[in-house]
Protein backbone atom coordinates (compact mmCIF):
# COMPACT_ATOMS: atom_id res chain seq x y z
CA UNK A 1 -105.02 5.24 -21.82
CA UNK A 2 -104.28 3.48 -18.54
CA UNK A 3 -101.10 4.88 -16.96
CA UNK A 4 -99.26 4.32 -13.81
CA UNK A 5 -96.44 6.07 -11.84
CA UNK A 6 -93.87 3.72 -10.32
CA UNK A 7 -91.33 4.58 -7.63
CA UNK A 8 -89.33 2.94 -4.95
CA UNK A 9 -88.89 4.40 -1.45
CA UNK A 10 -85.04 4.30 -1.48
CA UNK A 11 -84.68 6.52 -4.50
CA UNK A 12 -85.23 9.73 -2.41
CA UNK A 13 -82.47 8.57 0.00
CA UNK A 14 -79.65 8.89 -2.42
CA UNK A 15 -77.92 12.19 -1.64
CA UNK A 16 -74.60 13.48 -3.12
CA UNK A 17 -74.51 16.51 -0.99
CA UNK A 18 -76.23 19.77 -0.45
CA UNK A 19 -74.39 21.47 -3.35
CA UNK A 20 -75.28 18.74 -5.82
CA UNK A 21 -78.18 19.46 -8.38
CA UNK A 22 -79.25 15.84 -8.68
CA UNK A 23 -80.85 15.97 -5.32
CA UNK A 24 -83.76 14.23 -3.46
CA UNK A 25 -85.81 17.44 -3.81
CA UNK A 26 -86.32 16.59 -7.36
CA UNK A 27 -88.67 13.82 -6.60
CA UNK A 28 -90.48 16.01 -4.10
CA UNK A 29 -90.95 18.74 -6.73
CA UNK A 30 -92.42 16.23 -8.99
CA UNK A 31 -94.68 14.91 -6.33
CA UNK A 32 -95.75 18.43 -5.40
CA UNK A 33 -96.75 19.23 -9.00
CA UNK A 34 -98.59 16.08 -9.43
CA UNK A 35 -100.63 16.88 -6.25
CA UNK A 36 -101.35 20.44 -7.76
CA UNK A 37 -102.43 18.95 -11.04
CA UNK A 38 -104.95 16.85 -9.09
CA UNK A 39 -104.10 13.65 -10.89
CA UNK A 40 -104.58 11.30 -7.66
CA UNK A 41 -107.41 9.01 -8.63
CA UNK A 42 -106.78 9.40 -12.22
CA UNK A 43 -103.34 7.64 -12.53
CA UNK A 44 -102.46 4.67 -10.61
CA UNK A 45 -99.54 4.80 -8.17
CA UNK A 46 -97.33 1.68 -7.74
CA UNK A 47 -94.30 1.01 -5.40
CA UNK A 48 -91.85 -1.41 -6.98
CA UNK A 49 -89.24 -4.06 -5.39
CA UNK A 50 -85.66 -3.61 -5.89
CA UNK A 51 -83.97 -5.11 -8.86
CA UNK A 52 -81.71 -8.32 -8.50
CA UNK A 53 -78.20 -8.12 -9.36
CA UNK A 54 -78.74 -10.45 -12.13
CA UNK A 55 -81.12 -7.81 -13.69
CA UNK A 56 -78.31 -5.25 -13.59
CA UNK A 57 -75.89 -7.61 -15.08
CA UNK A 58 -77.80 -7.82 -18.25
CA UNK A 59 -76.31 -4.52 -18.98
CA UNK A 60 -73.45 -3.90 -16.69
CA UNK A 61 -70.14 -5.58 -16.11
CA UNK A 62 -69.45 -7.42 -12.82
CA UNK A 63 -66.65 -4.96 -12.32
CA UNK A 64 -69.14 -1.89 -12.69
CA UNK A 65 -71.52 -3.32 -10.38
CA UNK A 66 -68.78 -4.10 -7.73
CA UNK A 67 -67.51 -0.64 -7.98
CA UNK A 68 -70.81 0.83 -6.88
CA UNK A 69 -71.66 -1.87 -4.31
CA UNK A 70 -68.30 -2.13 -2.76
CA UNK A 71 -67.69 1.56 -2.17
CA UNK A 72 -70.79 2.58 -0.27
CA UNK A 73 -69.79 4.52 2.65
CA UNK A 74 -70.59 3.08 6.10
CA UNK A 75 -71.28 6.21 7.90
CA UNK A 76 -74.24 8.43 7.12
CA UNK A 77 -73.10 11.73 5.75
CA UNK A 78 -69.86 10.23 4.12
CA UNK A 79 -69.48 10.28 0.27
CA UNK A 80 -67.31 8.23 -2.03
CA UNK A 81 -66.70 9.74 -5.33
CA UNK A 82 -66.93 7.75 -8.51
CA UNK A 83 -65.89 10.75 -10.39
CA UNK A 84 -66.16 14.55 -9.70
CA UNK A 85 -69.91 14.74 -9.99
CA UNK A 86 -71.06 11.19 -9.25
CA UNK A 87 -70.93 10.26 -5.67
CA UNK A 88 -71.98 7.43 -3.34
CA UNK A 89 -73.71 7.85 -0.09
CA UNK A 90 -74.87 5.16 2.34
CA UNK A 91 -78.04 4.60 0.54
CA UNK A 92 -76.94 4.94 -3.11
CA UNK A 93 -76.67 1.19 -4.01
CA UNK A 94 -80.18 0.52 -2.54
CA UNK A 95 -81.43 3.54 -4.46
CA UNK A 96 -79.81 2.31 -7.82
CA UNK A 97 -81.48 -1.09 -7.22
CA UNK A 98 -84.74 0.58 -6.46
CA UNK A 99 -84.66 2.70 -9.51
CA UNK A 100 -83.85 -0.13 -11.77
CA UNK A 101 -86.55 -2.20 -9.95
CA UNK A 102 -89.21 0.35 -10.83
CA UNK A 103 -88.20 0.31 -14.44
CA UNK A 104 -88.42 -3.35 -14.56
CA UNK A 105 -91.73 -3.61 -12.72
CA UNK A 106 -93.18 -1.08 -15.13
CA UNK A 107 -91.95 -2.90 -18.02
CA UNK A 108 -93.50 -6.16 -16.68
CA UNK A 109 -96.87 -4.48 -16.05
CA UNK A 110 -96.97 -2.99 -19.52
CA UNK A 111 -95.95 -6.40 -21.13
CA UNK A 112 -98.61 -8.21 -19.02
CA UNK A 113 -101.26 -5.63 -20.23
CA UNK A 114 -102.11 -4.54 -16.70
CA UNK A 115 -101.55 -1.04 -17.94
CA UNK A 116 -100.88 0.78 -21.37
CA UNK A 117 -97.93 2.85 -20.22
CA UNK A 118 -96.03 4.02 -17.17
CA UNK A 119 -93.70 6.78 -15.84
CA UNK A 120 -91.06 5.88 -13.41
CA UNK A 121 -90.31 8.77 -10.86
CA UNK A 122 -86.84 7.43 -9.98
CA UNK A 123 -83.43 8.52 -9.18
CA UNK A 124 -80.38 8.24 -9.58
CA UNK A 125 -80.77 8.66 -13.31
CA UNK A 126 -79.35 6.26 -15.78
CA UNK A 127 -78.46 7.29 -19.42
CA UNK A 128 -74.91 8.19 -18.89
CA UNK A 129 -74.05 4.87 -17.10
CA UNK A 130 -72.13 2.61 -19.68
CA UNK A 131 -71.86 -1.12 -19.41
CA UNK A 132 -68.55 -0.78 -17.69
CA UNK A 133 -68.64 2.59 -15.87
CA UNK A 134 -70.96 4.86 -13.84
CA UNK A 135 -70.80 8.52 -14.62
CA UNK A 136 -72.64 11.76 -15.01
CA UNK A 137 -74.81 11.40 -11.86
CA UNK A 138 -75.80 7.91 -13.10
CA UNK A 139 -74.99 4.56 -11.42
CA UNK A 140 -76.83 2.04 -13.48
CA UNK A 141 -78.58 2.58 -16.68
CA UNK A 142 -82.27 2.19 -15.87
CA UNK A 143 -83.76 2.26 -19.41
CA UNK A 144 -81.02 0.02 -20.83
CA UNK A 145 -81.75 -2.55 -18.09
CA UNK A 146 -85.58 -2.50 -18.74
CA UNK A 147 -85.04 -2.78 -22.50
CA UNK A 148 -82.89 -5.71 -22.16
CA UNK A 149 -85.33 -7.24 -19.90
CA UNK A 150 -88.14 -6.80 -22.37
CA UNK A 151 -86.08 -8.32 -25.08
CA UNK A 152 -84.30 -11.24 -23.08
CA UNK A 153 -87.01 -12.05 -20.70
CA UNK A 154 -90.19 -10.55 -22.20
CA UNK A 155 -89.41 -12.25 -25.63
CA UNK A 156 -89.70 -9.02 -27.67
CA UNK A 157 -87.70 -8.77 -30.91
CA UNK A 158 -87.47 -4.92 -31.31
CA UNK A 159 -87.62 -2.11 -29.00
CA UNK A 160 -86.95 1.66 -29.34
CA UNK A 161 -85.49 4.16 -26.89
CA UNK A 162 -86.22 7.73 -27.11
CA UNK A 163 -84.08 10.09 -25.14
CA UNK A 164 -85.08 13.89 -24.95
CA UNK A 165 -82.71 14.88 -22.20
CA UNK A 166 -80.48 17.78 -23.02
CA UNK A 167 -77.35 15.57 -22.71
CA UNK A 168 -76.36 12.72 -25.02
CA UNK A 169 -77.28 9.30 -23.64
CA UNK A 170 -73.80 8.07 -24.29
CA UNK A 171 -74.32 5.07 -21.95
CA UNK A 172 -77.31 3.96 -23.62
CA UNK A 173 -75.70 4.44 -27.09
CA UNK A 174 -72.93 2.26 -25.89
CA UNK A 175 -75.03 -0.37 -24.42
CA UNK A 176 -76.86 -0.95 -27.72
CA UNK A 177 -74.11 -0.05 -30.20
CA UNK A 178 -74.55 -2.48 -33.17
CA UNK A 179 -77.60 -4.31 -31.81
CA UNK A 180 -80.29 -4.59 -34.57
CA UNK A 181 -82.95 -5.25 -31.87
CA UNK A 182 -82.72 -1.70 -30.48
CA UNK A 183 -83.35 1.78 -32.15
CA UNK A 184 -82.10 4.63 -30.20
CA UNK A 185 -83.52 8.17 -31.23
CA UNK A 186 -82.48 11.37 -29.39
CA UNK A 187 -81.82 14.95 -29.59
CA UNK A 188 -78.95 16.62 -27.49
CA UNK A 189 -77.28 19.97 -27.16
CA UNK A 190 -73.86 19.88 -28.77
CA UNK A 191 -71.29 20.51 -27.56
CA UNK A 192 -72.19 19.79 -23.99
CA UNK A 193 -71.40 16.99 -21.34
CA UNK A 194 -70.38 14.24 -22.09
CA UNK A 195 -68.85 15.77 -25.11
CA UNK A 196 -69.16 12.71 -27.24
CA UNK A 197 -69.06 13.28 -31.11
CA UNK A 198 -72.26 12.89 -32.89
CA UNK A 199 -72.75 9.27 -34.26
CA UNK A 200 -73.76 8.79 -37.98
CA UNK A 201 -77.40 8.29 -38.54
CA UNK A 202 -78.22 4.70 -39.17
CA UNK A 203 -81.49 2.70 -39.25
CA UNK A 204 -81.02 2.03 -35.51
CA UNK A 205 -79.06 5.15 -34.29
CA UNK A 206 -80.87 8.46 -34.80
CA UNK A 207 -79.14 10.77 -32.21
CA UNK A 208 -79.34 14.35 -33.51
CA UNK A 209 -77.13 17.07 -32.16
CA UNK A 210 -78.73 20.61 -31.84
CA UNK A 211 -77.23 23.94 -31.14
CA UNK A 212 -77.49 25.85 -27.93
CA UNK A 213 -80.51 28.21 -27.73
CA UNK A 214 -82.50 26.01 -29.98
CA UNK A 215 -86.21 26.16 -29.19
CA UNK A 216 -89.09 23.82 -29.52
CA UNK A 217 -89.65 24.46 -33.16
CA UNK A 218 -86.17 23.07 -34.06
CA UNK A 219 -86.76 20.01 -31.94
CA UNK A 220 -90.30 19.40 -33.38
CA UNK A 221 -88.91 19.55 -36.89
CA UNK A 222 -86.06 17.05 -36.22
CA UNK A 223 -88.64 14.69 -34.58
CA UNK A 224 -90.63 14.81 -38.00
CA UNK A 225 -87.61 14.73 -40.14
CA UNK A 226 -85.54 12.07 -38.28
CA UNK A 227 -87.27 10.21 -35.40
CA UNK A 228 -90.58 9.52 -36.91
CA UNK A 229 -89.44 8.02 -40.32
CA UNK A 230 -86.99 5.71 -38.41
CA UNK A 231 -89.59 4.60 -35.93
CA UNK A 232 -92.02 3.84 -38.67
CA UNK A 233 -89.34 1.89 -40.50
CA UNK A 234 -88.47 -0.01 -37.36
CA UNK A 235 -91.84 -0.89 -36.13
CA UNK A 236 -90.71 -1.21 -32.37
CA UNK A 237 -92.88 -3.59 -30.18
CA UNK A 238 -92.46 -1.49 -27.16
CA UNK A 239 -90.90 1.97 -26.62
CA UNK A 240 -88.77 3.14 -23.70
CA UNK A 241 -88.24 6.89 -22.96
CA UNK A 242 -85.38 8.47 -21.20
CA UNK A 243 -87.30 11.45 -20.10
CA UNK A 244 -84.84 14.27 -19.09
CA UNK A 245 -86.37 17.67 -18.65
CA UNK A 246 -83.10 19.71 -18.51
CA UNK A 247 -83.70 21.01 -22.08
CA UNK A 248 -86.27 23.31 -20.55
CA UNK A 249 -85.59 27.10 -21.09
CA UNK A 250 -85.46 27.52 -17.23
CA UNK A 251 -82.97 24.78 -16.60
CA UNK A 252 -79.41 26.14 -16.31
CA UNK A 253 -77.82 22.70 -16.86
CA UNK A 254 -78.30 23.14 -20.45
CA UNK A 255 -78.77 25.79 -23.09
CA UNK A 256 -81.92 24.78 -24.93
CA UNK A 257 -85.33 26.47 -24.64
CA UNK A 258 -88.00 23.80 -24.61
CA UNK A 259 -91.31 24.39 -22.56
CA UNK A 260 -93.90 22.06 -21.15
CA UNK A 261 -96.05 22.00 -24.45
CA UNK A 262 -92.92 20.76 -26.25
CA UNK A 263 -92.64 17.81 -24.02
CA UNK A 264 -96.39 16.96 -24.30
CA UNK A 265 -96.12 17.24 -28.10
CA UNK A 266 -93.03 14.85 -28.14
CA UNK A 267 -94.85 12.42 -25.95
CA UNK A 268 -97.91 12.35 -28.25
CA UNK A 269 -95.77 11.60 -31.23
CA UNK A 270 -94.25 8.71 -29.47
CA UNK A 271 -97.61 7.47 -28.43
CA UNK A 272 -98.96 7.54 -31.87
CA UNK A 273 -95.99 5.27 -32.93
CA UNK A 274 -96.56 2.97 -30.03
CA UNK A 275 -100.25 2.63 -31.00
CA UNK A 276 -99.28 1.49 -34.38
CA UNK A 277 -96.73 -1.14 -33.78
CA UNK A 278 -96.59 -1.77 -29.97
CA UNK A 279 -99.97 -1.90 -28.78
CA UNK A 280 -99.46 1.43 -26.91
CA UNK A 281 -96.69 -0.07 -24.80
CA UNK A 282 -94.41 2.70 -23.35
CA UNK A 283 -92.22 2.95 -20.19
CA UNK A 284 -90.77 6.18 -19.40
CA UNK A 285 -87.98 6.76 -16.90
CA UNK A 286 -86.91 10.03 -15.33
CA UNK A 287 -83.34 11.31 -16.30
CA UNK A 288 -82.26 15.03 -15.88
CA UNK A 289 -84.25 18.10 -14.97
CA UNK A 290 -82.73 20.40 -12.23
CA UNK A 291 -84.82 23.52 -12.11
CA UNK A 292 -87.38 22.12 -9.69
CA UNK A 293 -90.33 24.12 -10.81
CA UNK A 294 -89.83 23.42 -14.48
CA UNK A 295 -89.20 19.81 -13.80
CA UNK A 296 -92.43 19.34 -11.88
CA UNK A 297 -94.34 21.11 -14.50
CA UNK A 298 -92.68 19.30 -17.30
CA UNK A 299 -93.30 15.74 -15.75
CA UNK A 300 -96.93 16.69 -15.25
CA UNK A 301 -97.11 17.64 -19.03
CA UNK A 302 -95.61 14.30 -19.82
CA UNK A 303 -97.68 12.25 -17.71
CA UNK A 304 -101.00 13.87 -18.71
CA UNK A 305 -99.99 13.32 -22.23
CA UNK A 306 -99.35 9.64 -21.49
CA UNK A 307 -102.75 9.37 -19.75
CA UNK A 308 -104.41 11.37 -22.30
CA UNK A 309 -105.71 13.83 -19.82
CA UNK A 310 -106.29 17.44 -21.15
């Protein structure tokens, strides 16, 4: 499989303070582990341009966009709180446009057949960002924006979104609630932020709560029992992944106990579905993951699975 890693230079400039776990060091930790894995030359690197406001507006209200854009601090070092744990710095709006731009560029490249799949090493993350509200470290919903682009601009009729972050992707679920063109499948620790109640399982909503301290065997079984039947019935023409790695056993942001091999296994299951119905087309976007060592190692496992590198 031909795989590319997309990023944008402004993503590392978004900084919510030294105390904040969603920090620029996350991208550096990923880069360090990619270098250690000696993937240079095996996986293409691409730098994307920023998204246009019209791209963001496919999924977010004008008020939600303005609340981010119009509250950017003028002075470096100042912060503006959107909520208690989602803050804006001088570079946050540019970083959010850059993150979405990388997801869009990856989507276009995959749709054009330039590459089979892509991983977007981007921040701020996105899956908590609702159409009308930024929250949970997230400003704009990168995966939702990219999925709408594939549908509304790329001409696809059905896409699936897989979310393996430890937290429920409430923003993505709200973005596509009742939309027959989008299947969302996830697992998430429950109860845990954002403390949403589990939704009923439907043909296009397969978001499965799991208990704290659950290990990879539990997640693998729910993938077999819930995700895969729904994906085969839906026959997606493209698959997007909200790739959060905070369900890792070393990550204190959650209480699950996945390891790198679990992320690689999940990735391979999704790839098998993509080969059957979507010509292998997958775009994966970074979400959570806050233990820097575990994050970097898990991303390498995920990317190597995407690229079919042993």
